[in-house]
Amino acid sequence: MDQGRDEVRVARPGDRRPGPGTEGMDRQEAFATEGMWSGFVRTEPGAVSGWHHHGDHESVIYVVTGSLRMEFGPGGSRTVEAGPGDFLHVPKGAVHRESNPSPEPADIIVTRAGTGQSTFNVEGPAPD
């Protein structure tokens, strides 16, 4: 039996490493395996991230505090907002950017399933 594969691990706040960077967001990696990435992300009040996508990874986001506004779709024309207790699903390859319209930091938990590089920063979404 492979002890490493069967080992249950804990990632405490001090154990997290800087995650893949996107302007306007503080990504902290808790775990990364061949098929999964999970971590904590903080977006300060009023901050807007750069445009990005997650390649072959689909993402599930859970909002802990603050507010998360996500722009996506042709020309960035579609928007959803989520608050504490809400989950969001981001499909593979969906170009988006996130902002925090609330007066407090937005803390979110992200888990991605997929393979390859997990974050690609881009100039923006395809036009309308």
C-alpha atoms as a PDB file:
ATOM      1  CA  MET A   1       0.000   0.000   0.000  1.00  0.00           C
ATOM      2  CA  ASP A   2       1.304   3.501  -0.916  1.00  0.00           C
ATOM      3  CA  GLN A   3       1.371   5.468   2.367  1.00  0.00           C
ATOM      4  CA  GLY A   4       1.644   8.843   0.576  1.00  0.00           C
ATOM      5  CA  ARG A   5      -1.393   8.212  -1.601  1.00  0.00           C
ATOM      6  CA  ASP A   6      -3.532   7.098   1.327  1.00  0.00           C
ATOM      7  CA  GLU A   7      -2.387   9.889   3.644  1.00  0.00           C
ATOM      8  CA  VAL A   8      -4.995  12.429   4.771  1.00  0.00           C
ATOM      9  CA  ARG A   9      -3.422  15.876   4.926  1.00  0.00           C
ATOM     10  CA  VAL A  10      -4.386  19.226   6.450  1.00  0.00           C
ATOM     11  CA  ALA A  11      -3.422  22.606   4.977  1.00  0.00           C
ATOM     12  CA  ARG A  12      -3.516  25.282   7.659  1.00  0.00           C
ATOM     13  CA  PRO A  13      -3.432  28.989   6.729  1.00  0.00           C
ATOM     14  CA  GLY A  14       0.343  29.138   7.245  1.00  0.00           C
ATOM     15  CA  ASP A  15       0.842  26.099   4.981  1.00  0.00           C
ATOM     16  CA  ARG A  16      -0.740  27.698   1.898  1.00  0.00           C
ATOM     17  CA  ARG A  17       1.561  28.734  -0.948  1.00  0.00           C
ATOM     18  CA  PRO A  18       1.070  31.564  -3.436  1.00  0.00           C
ATOM     19  CA  GLY A  19      -1.255  30.315  -6.159  1.00  0.00           C
ATOM     20  CA  PRO A  20      -1.212  31.149  -9.869  1.00  0.00           C
ATOM     21  CA  GLY A  21      -1.295  34.943 -10.139  1.00  0.00           C
ATOM     22  CA  THR A  22      -3.988  37.150 -11.634  1.00  0.00           C
ATOM     23  CA  GLU A  23      -3.947  40.906 -11.107  1.00  0.00           C
ATOM     24  CA  GLY A  24      -6.312  42.070  -8.345  1.00  0.00           C
ATOM     25  CA  MET A  25      -6.547  38.714  -6.532  1.00  0.00           C
ATOM     26  CA  ASP A  26      -4.524  37.039  -3.785  1.00  0.00           C
ATOM     27  CA  ARG A  27      -4.665  33.297  -4.623  1.00  0.00           C
ATOM     28  CA  GLN A  28      -3.290  30.891  -2.034  1.00  0.00           C
ATOM     29  CA  GLU A  29      -2.867  27.240  -2.975  1.00  0.00           C
ATOM     30  CA  ALA A  30      -3.842  24.670  -0.337  1.00  0.00           C
ATOM     31  CA  PHE A  31      -3.560  21.541  -2.507  1.00  0.00           C
ATOM     32  CA  ALA A  32      -2.670  20.764  -6.103  1.00  0.00           C
ATOM     33  CA  THR A  33      -2.650  17.286  -7.630  1.00  0.00           C
ATOM     34  CA  GLU A  34      -2.560  16.005 -11.181  1.00  0.00           C
ATOM     35  CA  GLY A  35      -6.347  16.463 -11.550  1.00  0.00           C
ATOM     36  CA  MET A  36      -7.346  19.038  -8.921  1.00  0.00           C
ATOM     37  CA  TRP A  37      -6.450  22.466  -7.500  1.00  0.00           C
ATOM     38  CA  SER A  38      -7.916  23.949  -4.320  1.00  0.00           C
ATOM     39  CA  GLY A  39      -7.237  27.108  -2.408  1.00  0.00           C
ATOM     40  CA  PHE A  40      -8.283  30.357  -0.801  1.00  0.00           C
ATOM     41  CA  VAL A  41      -8.679  33.654  -2.672  1.00  0.00           C
ATOM     42  CA  ARG A  42      -9.061  37.162  -1.267  1.00  0.00           C
ATOM     43  CA  THR A  43     -10.230  40.150  -3.306  1.00  0.00           C
ATOM     44  CA  GLU A  44     -10.093  43.510  -1.530  1.00  0.00           C
ATOM     45  CA  PRO A  45     -13.112  45.883  -1.525  1.00  0.00           C
ATOM     46  CA  GLY A  46     -13.551  47.589  -4.883  1.00  0.00           C
ATOM     47  CA  ALA A  47     -10.841  45.493  -6.560  1.00  0.00           C
ATOM     48  CA  VAL A  48     -11.313  44.099 -10.069  1.00  0.00           C
ATOM     49  CA  SER A  49      -9.228  41.179 -11.306  1.00  0.00           C
ATOM     50  CA  GLY A  50      -7.640  40.830 -14.689  1.00  0.00           C
ATOM     51  CA  TRP A  51      -9.385  38.749 -17.361  1.00  0.00           C
ATOM     52  CA  HIS A  52      -8.452  35.078 -17.172  1.00  0.00           C
ATOM     53  CA  HIS A  53      -9.646  31.510 -17.677  1.00  0.00           C
ATOM     54  CA  HIS A  54      -8.754  28.147 -16.188  1.00  0.00           C
ATOM     55  CA  GLY A  55      -7.970  26.100 -19.283  1.00  0.00           C
ATOM     56  CA  ASP A  56      -9.163  22.515 -19.000  1.00  0.00           C
ATOM     57  CA  HIS A  57     -10.253  22.998 -15.373  1.00  0.00           C
ATOM     58  CA  GLU A  58     -13.830  23.575 -14.304  1.00  0.00           C
ATOM     59  CA  SER A  59     -14.136  25.486 -11.043  1.00  0.00           C
ATOM     60  CA  VAL A  60     -16.507  25.582  -8.103  1.00  0.00           C
ATOM     61  CA  ILE A  61     -16.353  28.677  -5.917  1.00  0.00           C
ATOM     62  CA  TYR A  62     -17.827  29.100  -2.432  1.00  0.00           C
ATOM     63  CA  VAL A  63     -18.202  32.667  -1.113  1.00  0.00           C
ATOM     64  CA  VAL A  64     -17.268  32.938   2.565  1.00  0.00           C
ATOM     65  CA  THR A  65     -17.350  36.744   3.057  1.00  0.00           C
ATOM     66  CA  GLY A  66     -17.936  39.845   0.960  1.00  0.00           C
ATOM     67  CA  SER A  67     -19.430  39.829  -2.494  1.00  0.00           C
ATOM     68  CA  LEU A  68     -18.247  38.313  -5.746  1.00  0.00           C
ATOM     69  CA  ARG A  69     -19.251  39.832  -9.085  1.00  0.00           C
ATOM     70  CA  MET A  70     -18.177  37.832 -12.129  1.00  0.00           C
ATOM     71  CA  GLU A  71     -18.239  39.175 -15.667  1.00  0.00           C
ATOM     72  CA  PHE A  72     -18.099  36.692 -18.570  1.00  0.00           C
ATOM     73  CA  GLY A  73     -19.583  35.924 -21.964  1.00  0.00           C
ATOM     74  CA  PRO A  74     -19.140  37.724 -25.307  1.00  0.00           C
ATOM     75  CA  GLY A  75     -17.454  41.053 -24.657  1.00  0.00           C
ATOM     76  CA  GLY A  76     -17.867  40.481 -20.907  1.00  0.00           C
ATOM     77  CA  SER A  77     -21.563  41.298 -21.321  1.00  0.00           C
ATOM     78  CA  ARG A  78     -22.919  38.812 -18.762  1.00  0.00           C
ATOM     79  CA  THR A  79     -22.679  39.276 -14.995  1.00  0.00           C
ATOM     80  CA  VAL A  80     -23.577  37.260 -11.911  1.00  0.00           C
ATOM     81  CA  GLU A  81     -23.227  38.240  -8.260  1.00  0.00           C
ATOM     82  CA  ALA A  82     -22.855  35.964  -5.268  1.00  0.00           C
ATOM     83  CA  GLY A  83     -22.626  36.515  -1.528  1.00  0.00           C
ATOM     84  CA  PRO A  84     -21.779  34.537   1.604  1.00  0.00           C
ATOM     85  CA  GLY A  85     -23.044  30.970   1.402  1.00  0.00           C
ATOM     86  CA  ASP A  86     -23.400  30.980  -2.402  1.00  0.00           C
ATOM     87  CA  PHE A  87     -21.661  28.576  -4.789  1.00  0.00           C
ATOM     88  CA  LEU A  88     -20.700  29.366  -8.405  1.00  0.00           C
ATOM     89  CA  HIS A  89     -19.699  26.969 -11.183  1.00  0.00           C
ATOM     90  CA  VAL A  90     -17.270  28.188 -13.863  1.00  0.00           C
ATOM     91  CA  PRO A  91     -17.032  25.918 -16.952  1.00  0.00           C
ATOM     92  CA  LYS A  92     -13.740  24.933 -18.559  1.00  0.00           C
ATOM     93  CA  GLY A  93     -12.200  27.718 -20.614  1.00  0.00           C
ATOM     94  CA  ALA A  94     -14.755  30.404 -19.641  1.00  0.00           C
ATOM     95  CA  VAL A  95     -13.001  33.793 -19.850  1.00  0.00           C
ATOM     96  CA  HIS A  96     -14.029  35.929 -16.873  1.00  0.00           C
ATOM     97  CA  ARG A  97     -12.974  38.530 -14.350  1.00  0.00           C
ATOM     98  CA  GLU A  98     -13.993  38.938 -10.751  1.00  0.00           C
ATOM     99  CA  SER A  99     -14.604  41.986  -8.619  1.00  0.00           C
ATOM    100  CA  ASN A 100     -15.675  42.731  -5.082  1.00  0.00           C
ATOM    101  CA  PRO A 101     -18.331  45.464  -4.910  1.00  0.00           C
ATOM    102  CA  SER A 102     -18.738  45.099  -1.120  1.00  0.00           C
ATOM    103  CA  PRO A 103     -17.074  47.239   1.576  1.00  0.00           C
ATOM    104  CA  GLU A 104     -15.317  44.203   3.096  1.00  0.00           C
ATOM    105  CA  PRO A 105     -12.758  41.744   1.678  1.00  0.00           C
ATOM    106  CA  ALA A 106     -14.267  38.937  -0.391  1.00  0.00           C
ATOM    107  CA  ASP A 107     -12.920  35.590   0.799  1.00  0.00           C
ATOM    108  CA  ILE A 108     -13.693  32.601  -1.398  1.00  0.00           C
ATOM    109  CA  ILE A 109     -12.769  28.933  -1.494  1.00  0.00           C
ATOM    110  CA  VAL A 110     -12.023  27.521  -4.947  1.00  0.00           C
ATOM    111  CA  THR A 111     -11.717  23.925  -6.116  1.00  0.00           C
ATOM    112  CA  ARG A 112     -10.826  23.109  -9.713  1.00  0.00           C
ATOM    113  CA  ALA A 113     -10.977  19.743 -11.449  1.00  0.00           C
ATOM    114  CA  GLY A 114      -8.964  19.225 -14.610  1.00  0.00           C
ATOM    115  CA  THR A 115      -5.478  18.779 -15.971  1.00  0.00           C
ATOM    116  CA  GLY A 116      -2.651  21.017 -17.111  1.00  0.00           C
ATOM    117  CA  GLN A 117      -2.012  24.621 -16.187  1.00  0.00           C
ATOM    118  CA  SER A 118      -4.860  26.002 -14.049  1.00  0.00           C
ATOM    119  CA  THR A 119      -4.738  29.742 -14.805  1.00  0.00           C
ATOM    120  CA  PHE A 120      -4.291  31.700 -18.042  1.00  0.00           C
ATOM    121  CA  ASN A 121      -4.319  35.514 -17.926  1.00  0.00           C
ATOM    122  CA  VAL A 122      -5.716  37.058 -21.127  1.00  0.00           C
ATOM    123  CA  GLU A 123      -6.491  40.497 -22.577  1.00  0.00           C
ATOM    124  CA  GLY A 124     -10.251  39.949 -22.384  1.00  0.00           C
ATOM    125  CA  PRO A 125     -13.171  37.910 -23.672  1.00  0.00           C
ATOM    126  CA  ALA A 126     -14.007  37.442 -27.325  1.00  0.00           C
ATOM    127  CA  PRO A 127     -16.038  40.389 -28.693  1.00  0.00           C
ATOM    128  CA  ASP A 128     -19.828  40.262 -29.088  1.00  0.00           C
END
